[in-house]
Amino acid sequence: LRMGTNDIAITFRSPQIEAAKRQAAQPYFVPFSANNTPIHNGNMLRKPSCDFGWDWNIALATFGLYGDFYLEPKVADRISDLLITQTHGTGYVDVTVTAIGAVGDVTISLCGVTSQSGTLRIENPILWWPAGAGDQVLHDLTVTCGDQVLHRKIGLRDARLINTRDASGLGFKFNINGRDIFAKGSNWIPADALAGRITPQDTRDLLQSAVDANMNMIRVWGGGRYEPTWFYDLCDELGLMVWQDFMFSCHIYPADAAFLADVAIEVREQALRLHHHASMVLWCGDNELI
């Protein structure tokens, strides 16, 4: 980025041709789910598997930019990410915010409480609950570093996956704020085969339909895409717990250093972007892989 005019050039390669080239460059053939994907070798690219075809989806192998693309000046004390954790006690919640990249003083404010220590205590917190179990109360979190101000909507809640053994075997249940919650939900696939046609309003209507059908959980399926931030905002608002798959589905994937390094960046970016959402209760590595 420089003062004056800046040019941004983006080169789009054919997904089908590029995927075939990368497959040919592997030291051995890396199998993919051919019965699902009539356009082959999609496992070579970090693109939604279902864009290469699925048992329910047309094979389009779309390409393009999702969301915004922009340049920002590099600032020494700029916050790059926020890591937000909660510790729940009797009658209080401690919220800790780590401002990654910040060099100067950082101020955090939540529920009328302000702190520069990185941790603040909320007494008698109003908690967030899944649909059907209570209200979906969200609070404004503000983090300030110099002239940079970041905002997050967070729910105060304690979410646990309980998988201890009992008389029937290994348990698998969700406990929210100390209460076991019976999960009722379904898989979420991309709302349209062409991502550019997906809108917040249409998505809200679909998610509201899930709530109206007495669901309280949505599983973001691993053959689709990481949804935009507003999708998870809607789930927070509607009380739909999210089971979040990482985007790996039904294929074998490359194990070379370059591919794994790219995946490590992807996983870190998505976890930092989404972890603070009250609705996010489970991360799953993939769909139907061993």
Protein backbone atom coordinates (compact mmCIF):
# COMPACT_ATOMS: atom_id res chain seq x y z
CA LEU A 1 0.00 0.00 0.00
CA ARG A 2 1.41 3.38 -0.99
CA MET A 3 0.19 6.98 -1.05
CA GLY A 4 -1.66 7.85 -4.24
CA THR A 5 -3.07 5.38 -6.73
CA ASN A 6 -2.92 1.66 -5.98
CA ASP A 7 -3.74 -1.09 -8.48
CA ILE A 8 -5.03 -4.50 -7.41
CA ALA A 9 -4.71 -7.30 -9.96
CA ILE A 10 -6.34 -10.68 -9.38
CA THR A 11 -5.77 -13.70 -11.61
CA PHE A 12 -8.49 -16.37 -11.65
CA ARG A 13 -7.46 -19.81 -12.86
CA SER A 14 -9.88 -22.50 -13.97
CA PRO A 15 -10.61 -24.56 -10.82
CA GLN A 16 -10.90 -27.75 -12.88
CA ILE A 17 -7.59 -27.24 -14.70
CA GLU A 18 -5.70 -26.05 -11.62
CA ALA A 19 -7.00 -28.95 -9.52
CA ALA A 20 -5.88 -31.47 -12.16
CA LYS A 21 -2.41 -29.87 -12.27
CA ARG A 22 -2.06 -30.12 -8.51
CA GLN A 23 -3.22 -33.74 -8.52
CA ALA A 24 -0.62 -34.58 -11.19
CA ALA A 25 2.08 -32.93 -9.08
CA GLN A 26 1.38 -35.17 -6.07
CA PRO A 27 3.85 -38.01 -5.41
CA TYR A 28 0.87 -40.42 -5.45
CA PHE A 29 -2.78 -40.21 -6.48
CA VAL A 30 -4.91 -38.66 -3.72
CA PRO A 31 -8.44 -40.19 -3.93
CA PHE A 32 -11.57 -38.06 -4.00
CA SER A 33 -15.26 -38.94 -3.71
CA ALA A 34 -15.94 -39.50 -7.41
CA ASN A 35 -19.52 -40.66 -6.87
CA ASN A 36 -20.37 -37.25 -5.38
CA THR A 37 -18.26 -34.91 -7.49
CA PRO A 38 -18.57 -35.17 -11.30
CA ILE A 39 -15.92 -32.42 -11.54
CA HIS A 40 -12.86 -34.20 -10.18
CA ASN A 41 -9.89 -33.33 -7.96
CA GLY A 42 -11.70 -30.75 -5.85
CA ASN A 43 -9.77 -32.10 -2.87
CA MET A 44 -6.70 -30.33 -4.24
CA LEU A 45 -8.22 -26.88 -3.69
CA ARG A 46 -9.51 -25.16 -0.58
CA LYS A 47 -12.89 -24.54 -2.13
CA PRO A 48 -16.33 -25.86 -1.11
CA SER A 49 -16.55 -29.53 -2.04
CA CYS A 50 -20.18 -29.22 -3.07
CA ASP A 51 -19.25 -26.68 -5.77
CA PHE A 52 -17.74 -29.62 -7.68
CA GLY A 53 -21.11 -31.39 -7.50
CA TRP A 54 -22.84 -33.44 -4.81
CA ASP A 55 -25.75 -35.81 -4.56
CA TRP A 56 -27.96 -32.74 -4.04
CA ASN A 57 -25.99 -30.01 -5.84
CA ILE A 58 -25.21 -28.99 -9.40
CA ALA A 59 -21.52 -29.16 -10.42
CA LEU A 60 -20.46 -25.59 -11.22
CA ALA A 61 -16.91 -25.22 -9.81
CA THR A 62 -17.57 -21.54 -9.26
CA PHE A 63 -14.80 -19.01 -8.58
CA GLY A 64 -14.52 -15.41 -7.48
CA LEU A 65 -14.15 -13.26 -4.40
CA TYR A 66 -16.32 -13.70 -1.31
CA GLY A 67 -16.86 -10.64 0.85
CA ASP A 68 -14.61 -7.58 0.77
CA PHE A 69 -11.13 -7.07 -0.63
CA TYR A 70 -9.13 -4.05 0.50
CA LEU A 71 -5.72 -2.74 1.52
CA GLU A 72 -4.93 -1.31 4.94
CA PRO A 73 -1.85 0.56 6.15
CA LYS A 74 0.35 -1.33 8.58
CA VAL A 75 0.18 0.21 12.06
CA ALA A 76 2.51 -0.93 14.83
CA ASP A 77 -0.09 -1.21 17.59
CA ARG A 78 -2.98 -2.38 15.44
CA ILE A 79 -5.16 -5.21 16.80
CA SER A 80 -5.25 -8.04 14.28
CA ASP A 81 -7.54 -10.41 16.22
CA LEU A 82 -9.38 -10.74 19.51
CA LEU A 83 -9.26 -13.87 21.65
CA ILE A 84 -12.22 -13.83 24.04
CA THR A 85 -12.68 -16.37 26.84
CA GLN A 86 -15.16 -16.70 29.69
CA THR A 87 -14.84 -18.24 33.14
CA HIS A 88 -18.16 -18.83 34.92
CA GLY A 89 -18.49 -18.85 38.68
CA THR A 90 -21.37 -18.63 41.14
CA GLY A 91 -23.03 -15.29 40.45
CA TYR A 92 -20.34 -13.91 38.15
CA VAL A 93 -18.56 -14.28 34.81
CA ASP A 94 -14.95 -13.29 34.16
CA VAL A 95 -14.41 -12.21 30.54
CA THR A 96 -10.80 -12.12 29.33
CA VAL A 97 -9.86 -10.39 26.09
CA THR A 98 -6.46 -10.83 24.46
CA ALA A 99 -5.85 -8.20 21.78
CA ILE A 100 -3.48 -9.95 19.39
CA GLY A 101 -0.99 -7.57 17.80
CA ALA A 102 -1.69 -4.66 20.12
CA VAL A 103 1.34 -2.82 21.51
CA GLY A 104 -0.26 0.15 23.29
CA ASP A 105 -2.81 0.28 26.09
CA VAL A 106 -6.00 -1.70 25.49
CA THR A 107 -9.33 -0.87 27.13
CA ILE A 108 -12.23 -3.31 27.23
CA SER A 109 -15.82 -2.42 28.13
CA LEU A 110 -18.76 -4.77 28.69
CA CYS A 111 -22.05 -4.49 30.59
CA GLY A 112 -21.06 -1.12 32.07
CA VAL A 113 -17.71 -2.45 33.33
CA THR A 114 -14.39 -1.14 31.95
CA SER A 115 -10.91 -2.60 32.43
CA GLN A 116 -7.37 -2.22 31.11
CA SER A 117 -6.15 -5.44 32.69
CA GLY A 118 -7.53 -7.69 29.96
CA THR A 119 -10.07 -9.30 32.33
CA LEU A 120 -13.27 -7.88 33.72
CA ARG A 121 -15.82 -9.40 36.08
CA ILE A 122 -19.55 -9.23 35.41
CA GLU A 123 -21.58 -9.68 38.59
CA ASN A 124 -25.05 -11.25 38.40
CA PRO A 125 -24.72 -11.81 34.64
CA ILE A 126 -27.71 -12.13 32.34
CA LEU A 127 -26.96 -15.34 30.45
CA TRP A 128 -27.55 -16.45 26.86
CA TRP A 129 -29.62 -19.59 26.31
CA PRO A 130 -30.43 -21.77 23.29
CA ALA A 131 -33.89 -21.51 21.75
CA GLY A 132 -36.52 -23.02 24.03
CA ALA A 133 -34.32 -22.90 27.13
CA GLY A 134 -34.34 -19.17 27.84
CA ASP A 135 -33.68 -15.77 26.32
CA GLN A 136 -30.93 -14.94 23.82
CA VAL A 137 -29.42 -11.95 25.60
CA LEU A 138 -26.42 -10.41 23.81
CA HIS A 139 -24.05 -7.76 25.16
CA ASP A 140 -21.87 -5.17 23.40
CA LEU A 141 -18.14 -5.70 23.91
CA THR A 142 -15.91 -2.75 22.96
CA VAL A 143 -12.12 -3.00 22.69
CA THR A 144 -10.07 0.18 22.18
CA CYS A 145 -6.40 0.54 21.31
CA GLY A 146 -5.35 4.05 20.32
CA ASP A 147 -7.75 5.20 17.62
CA GLN A 148 -8.78 1.62 16.77
CA VAL A 149 -12.14 0.53 18.18
CA LEU A 150 -13.46 -3.02 17.72
CA HIS A 151 -16.95 -4.22 18.58
CA ARG A 152 -18.27 -7.71 19.24
CA LYS A 153 -21.71 -8.98 20.25
CA ILE A 154 -21.25 -11.71 22.81
CA GLY A 155 -23.50 -13.85 24.95
CA LEU A 156 -22.46 -14.80 28.45
CA ARG A 157 -22.74 -18.57 28.54
CA ASP A 158 -20.88 -21.68 29.58
CA ALA A 159 -21.01 -24.44 26.93
CA ARG A 160 -19.67 -27.93 27.50
CA LEU A 161 -19.69 -31.19 25.56
CA ILE A 162 -20.11 -33.98 28.11
CA ASN A 163 -18.66 -37.26 26.86
CA THR A 164 -18.00 -39.22 30.02
CA ARG A 165 -18.74 -42.92 30.10
CA ASP A 166 -21.92 -44.23 31.65
CA ALA A 167 -23.77 -47.57 31.76
CA SER A 168 -24.70 -47.25 28.07
CA GLY A 169 -21.24 -46.32 26.78
CA LEU A 170 -19.52 -43.07 25.86
CA GLY A 171 -21.84 -40.12 26.42
CA PHE A 172 -22.37 -37.23 24.01
CA LYS A 173 -24.49 -34.38 25.30
CA PHE A 174 -24.43 -30.61 25.51
CA ASN A 175 -24.55 -28.73 28.78
CA ILE A 176 -25.28 -25.00 28.65
CA ASN A 177 -24.95 -22.90 31.81
CA GLY A 178 -25.01 -26.04 33.94
CA ARG A 179 -28.15 -27.44 32.32
CA ASP A 180 -28.26 -30.43 29.95
CA ILE A 181 -29.84 -29.38 26.63
CA PHE A 182 -31.43 -31.91 24.29
CA ALA A 183 -30.10 -31.05 20.81
CA LYS A 184 -32.71 -30.81 18.06
CA GLY A 185 -31.51 -29.73 14.66
CA SER A 186 -30.36 -30.43 11.14
CA ASN A 187 -27.51 -29.98 8.68
CA TRP A 188 -26.95 -26.59 7.08
CA ILE A 189 -25.74 -26.61 3.48
CA PRO A 190 -25.04 -23.48 1.40
CA ALA A 191 -28.32 -21.66 0.84
CA ASP A 192 -27.71 -21.36 -2.92
CA ALA A 193 -25.46 -23.02 -5.49
CA LEU A 194 -24.29 -19.51 -6.47
CA ALA A 195 -22.85 -17.81 -3.40
CA GLY A 196 -23.49 -14.34 -4.83
CA ARG A 197 -27.25 -14.90 -4.60
CA ILE A 198 -27.23 -15.64 -0.86
CA THR A 199 -28.65 -12.79 1.22
CA PRO A 200 -28.96 -12.20 4.97
CA GLN A 201 -32.74 -11.85 4.71
CA ASP A 202 -33.26 -15.14 2.88
CA THR A 203 -30.91 -16.86 5.30
CA ARG A 204 -32.74 -15.38 8.28
CA ASP A 205 -36.00 -16.79 6.90
CA LEU A 206 -34.48 -20.28 6.65
CA LEU A 207 -32.96 -20.14 10.14
CA GLN A 208 -36.21 -18.80 11.57
CA SER A 209 -37.96 -21.78 9.99
CA ALA A 210 -35.63 -24.05 11.95
CA VAL A 211 -36.56 -22.28 15.20
CA ASP A 212 -40.26 -22.43 14.27
CA ALA A 213 -39.84 -26.20 13.83
CA ASN A 214 -38.55 -26.34 17.45
CA MET A 215 -34.92 -26.82 16.48
CA ASN A 216 -32.13 -25.45 18.65
CA MET A 217 -29.02 -26.53 16.69
CA ILE A 218 -27.59 -26.16 13.19
CA ARG A 219 -24.64 -28.19 11.93
CA VAL A 220 -22.62 -26.24 9.36
CA TRP A 221 -21.78 -29.17 7.08
CA GLY A 222 -18.14 -29.79 6.13
CA GLY A 223 -18.77 -30.06 2.39
CA GLY A 224 -19.99 -26.48 2.16
CA ARG A 225 -18.35 -23.23 3.21
CA TYR A 226 -17.50 -21.29 6.33
CA GLU A 227 -20.48 -18.99 6.55
CA PRO A 228 -20.09 -15.19 6.75
CA THR A 229 -20.01 -13.56 10.17
CA TRP A 230 -23.60 -12.32 9.87
CA PHE A 231 -24.78 -15.95 9.66
CA TYR A 232 -23.41 -16.64 13.15
CA ASP A 233 -24.82 -13.33 14.37
CA LEU A 234 -28.24 -14.63 13.28
CA CYS A 235 -27.68 -17.92 15.10
CA ASP A 236 -26.74 -15.97 18.24
CA GLU A 237 -29.89 -13.91 17.95
CA LEU A 238 -32.19 -16.86 17.24
CA GLY A 239 -30.71 -19.22 19.83
CA LEU A 240 -29.48 -21.82 17.33
CA MET A 241 -26.44 -23.64 18.70
CA VAL A 242 -23.84 -24.24 15.99
CA TRP A 243 -21.99 -27.49 15.39
CA GLN A 244 -19.21 -26.19 13.12
CA ASP A 245 -17.42 -28.58 10.78
CA PHE A 246 -14.09 -27.61 9.32
CA MET A 247 -14.41 -27.74 5.54
CA PHE A 248 -13.25 -31.27 4.75
CA SER A 249 -15.67 -33.80 3.36
CA CYS A 250 -15.63 -37.35 2.01
CA HIS A 251 -12.24 -37.08 0.28
CA ILE A 252 -8.67 -37.97 1.07
CA TYR A 253 -6.62 -34.77 1.17
CA PRO A 254 -2.98 -33.98 0.35
CA ALA A 255 -0.47 -34.32 3.18
CA ASP A 256 2.40 -32.28 1.73
CA ALA A 257 3.91 -29.44 3.76
CA ALA A 258 2.47 -26.64 1.62
CA PHE A 259 -1.10 -27.95 1.82
CA LEU A 260 -0.92 -28.55 5.58
CA ALA A 261 0.57 -25.10 6.18
CA ASP A 262 -2.31 -23.53 4.24
CA VAL A 263 -4.83 -25.52 6.29
CA ALA A 264 -3.18 -24.40 9.53
CA ILE A 265 -3.69 -20.76 8.52
CA GLU A 266 -7.29 -21.46 7.51
CA VAL A 267 -8.15 -23.17 10.80
CA ARG A 268 -6.58 -20.42 12.90
CA GLU A 269 -8.33 -17.64 10.97
CA GLN A 270 -11.74 -19.28 11.21
CA ALA A 271 -11.38 -20.13 14.91
CA LEU A 272 -10.36 -16.56 15.76
CA ARG A 273 -13.19 -15.12 13.66
CA LEU A 274 -15.97 -17.28 15.09
CA HIS A 275 -15.03 -18.48 18.57
CA HIS A 276 -16.68 -15.62 20.47
CA HIS A 277 -20.18 -16.35 19.19
CA ALA A 278 -22.56 -17.55 21.89
CA SER A 279 -24.08 -20.02 19.44
CA MET A 280 -20.75 -21.77 18.76
CA VAL A 281 -20.76 -24.90 20.94
CA LEU A 282 -18.80 -27.53 18.97
CA TRP A 283 -15.95 -27.66 16.46
CA CYS A 284 -15.70 -30.82 14.35
CA GLY A 285 -12.71 -31.68 12.18
CA ASP A 286 -14.55 -32.84 9.09
CA ASN A 287 -17.56 -34.61 7.56
CA GLU A 288 -17.56 -38.41 7.22
CA LEU A 289 -13.80 -38.92 7.37
CA ILE A 290 -11.82 -41.33 9.50
